[in-house]
C-alpha atoms as a PDB file:
ATOM      1  CA  MET A   1       0.001   0.007   0.013  1.00  0.00           C
ATOM      2  CA  ASN A   2       2.783   2.437   0.831  1.00  0.00           C
ATOM      3  CA  ASN A   3       4.538   1.710  -2.465  1.00  0.00           C
ATOM      4  CA  LYS A   4       1.460   2.832  -4.405  1.00  0.00           C
ATOM      5  CA  LEU A   5       1.272   6.049  -2.403  1.00  0.00           C
ATOM      6  CA  PHE A   6       4.960   6.682  -2.969  1.00  0.00           C
ATOM      7  CA  LEU A   7       4.642   6.113  -6.712  1.00  0.00           C
ATOM      8  CA  SER A   8       1.567   8.298  -6.930  1.00  0.00           C
ATOM      9  CA  ALA A   9       3.653  11.162  -5.588  1.00  0.00           C
ATOM     10  CA  ILE A  10       6.946  10.472  -7.372  1.00  0.00           C
ATOM     11  CA  VAL A  11       5.706   9.838 -10.928  1.00  0.00           C
ATOM     12  CA  PRO A  12       4.072  13.266 -11.428  1.00  0.00           C
ATOM     13  CA  LEU A  13       7.040  14.971  -9.794  1.00  0.00           C
ATOM     14  CA  ALA A  14       9.491  13.088 -12.032  1.00  0.00           C
ATOM     15  CA  SER A  15       7.400  13.988 -15.098  1.00  0.00           C
ATOM     16  CA  LEU A  16       7.407  17.663 -14.139  1.00  0.00           C
ATOM     17  CA  LEU A  17      11.185  17.610 -13.655  1.00  0.00           C
ATOM     18  CA  MET A  18      11.782  15.892 -17.018  1.00  0.00           C
ATOM     19  CA  ILE A  19       9.597  18.357 -18.845  1.00  0.00           C
ATOM     20  CA  ALA A  20      11.339  21.283 -17.130  1.00  0.00           C
ATOM     21  CA  ALA A  21      14.758  19.807 -17.944  1.00  0.00           C
ATOM     22  CA  PHE A  22      13.799  19.937 -21.627  1.00  0.00           C
ATOM     23  CA  ALA A  23      11.704  23.122 -21.732  1.00  0.00           C
ATOM     24  CA  ILE A  24      14.012  25.490 -19.859  1.00  0.00           C
ATOM     25  CA  PRO A  25      17.127  24.987 -22.062  1.00  0.00           C
ATOM     26  CA  PHE A  26      14.952  24.902 -25.198  1.00  0.00           C
ATOM     27  CA  GLY A  27      13.259  28.153 -24.260  1.00  0.00           C
ATOM     28  CA  TYR A  28      16.628  29.730 -23.547  1.00  0.00           C
ATOM     29  CA  LEU A  29      17.884  28.580 -26.959  1.00  0.00           C
ATOM     30  CA  LEU A  30      14.845  30.058 -28.718  1.00  0.00           C
ATOM     31  CA  TYR A  31      15.217  33.326 -26.801  1.00  0.00           C
ATOM     32  CA  GLN A  32      18.893  33.594 -27.728  1.00  0.00           C
ATOM     33  CA  VAL A  33      18.232  32.867 -31.400  1.00  0.00           C
ATOM     34  CA  HIS A  34      15.387  35.364 -31.541  1.00  0.00           C
ATOM     35  CA  HIS A  35      17.105  38.215 -29.735  1.00  0.00           C
ATOM     36  CA  ASN A  36      20.813  37.780 -30.415  1.00  0.00           C
ATOM     37  CA  THR A  37      21.155  36.536 -34.010  1.00  0.00           C
ATOM     38  CA  SER A  38      20.320  37.941 -37.385  1.00  0.00           C
ATOM     39  CA  LEU A  39      17.885  35.050 -37.936  1.00  0.00           C
ATOM     40  CA  SER A  40      15.400  36.504 -35.440  1.00  0.00           C
ATOM     41  CA  GLY A  41      11.887  35.078 -35.891  1.00  0.00           C
ATOM     42  CA  ALA A  42      12.813  33.022 -38.935  1.00  0.00           C
ATOM     43  CA  GLY A  43      15.428  31.176 -36.877  1.00  0.00           C
ATOM     44  CA  VAL A  44      12.865  30.279 -34.248  1.00  0.00           C
ATOM     45  CA  ILE A  45      10.507  29.009 -36.972  1.00  0.00           C
ATOM     46  CA  VAL A  46      13.269  26.912 -38.528  1.00  0.00           C
ATOM     47  CA  ILE A  47      14.165  25.365 -35.160  1.00  0.00           C
ATOM     48  CA  GLY A  48      10.473  24.589 -34.572  1.00  0.00           C
ATOM     49  CA  LEU A  49      10.158  22.947 -37.993  1.00  0.00           C
ATOM     50  CA  ILE A  50      13.263  20.878 -37.410  1.00  0.00           C
ATOM     51  CA  LEU A  51      11.871  19.738 -34.063  1.00  0.00           C
ATOM     52  CA  LEU A  52       8.510  19.012 -35.695  1.00  0.00           C
ATOM     53  CA  ILE A  53      10.085  16.807 -38.371  1.00  0.00           C
ATOM     54  CA  VAL A  54      12.948  15.174 -36.443  1.00  0.00           C
ATOM     55  CA  THR A  55      10.964  14.053 -33.384  1.00  0.00           C
ATOM     56  CA  PRO A  56       8.438  11.780 -35.135  1.00  0.00           C
ATOM     57  CA  THR A  57      11.109  10.555 -37.541  1.00  0.00           C
ATOM     58  CA  ALA A  58      13.390   9.544 -34.666  1.00  0.00           C
ATOM     59  CA  ALA A  59      10.494   7.864 -32.863  1.00  0.00           C
ATOM     60  CA  TYR A  60       9.574   5.918 -36.016  1.00  0.00           C
ATOM     61  CA  LEU A  61      13.158   4.793 -36.596  1.00  0.00           C
ATOM     62  CA  TYR A  62      13.556   3.795 -32.959  1.00  0.00           C
ATOM     63  CA  GLU A  63      10.319   1.827 -32.997  1.00  0.00           C
ATOM     64  CA  ARG A  64      11.259   0.130 -36.241  1.00  0.00           C
ATOM     65  CA  SER A  65      14.706  -0.860 -34.887  1.00  0.00           C
ATOM     66  CA  THR A  66      13.313  -2.306 -31.665  1.00  0.00           C
ATOM     67  CA  GLU A  67      10.393  -4.156 -33.250  1.00  0.00           C
ATOM     68  CA  GLN A  68      11.076  -7.896 -33.427  1.00  0.00           C
END
C-alpha cells in the first residue's frame, strides 16, 4: 500500500522535472536565437520545424529498430 502512495507522488514529480529539464534550455535557446542573431523570428521558426520533423522521424526509426 505504501509503495502505491509513494509512486503516486513520485511519478508526477518526475514527469514535471523531465519536462522542465527539456523546456528551460529549449526556451533559452529560442530566446537567444530570436534576440541575439540575425535570424530573429525566422530562426525560431526553422528550429520549430526541425523539431517538428525530427521528433516523429526519430520515434519511427527507434520503434522500427526495436520491433522484433
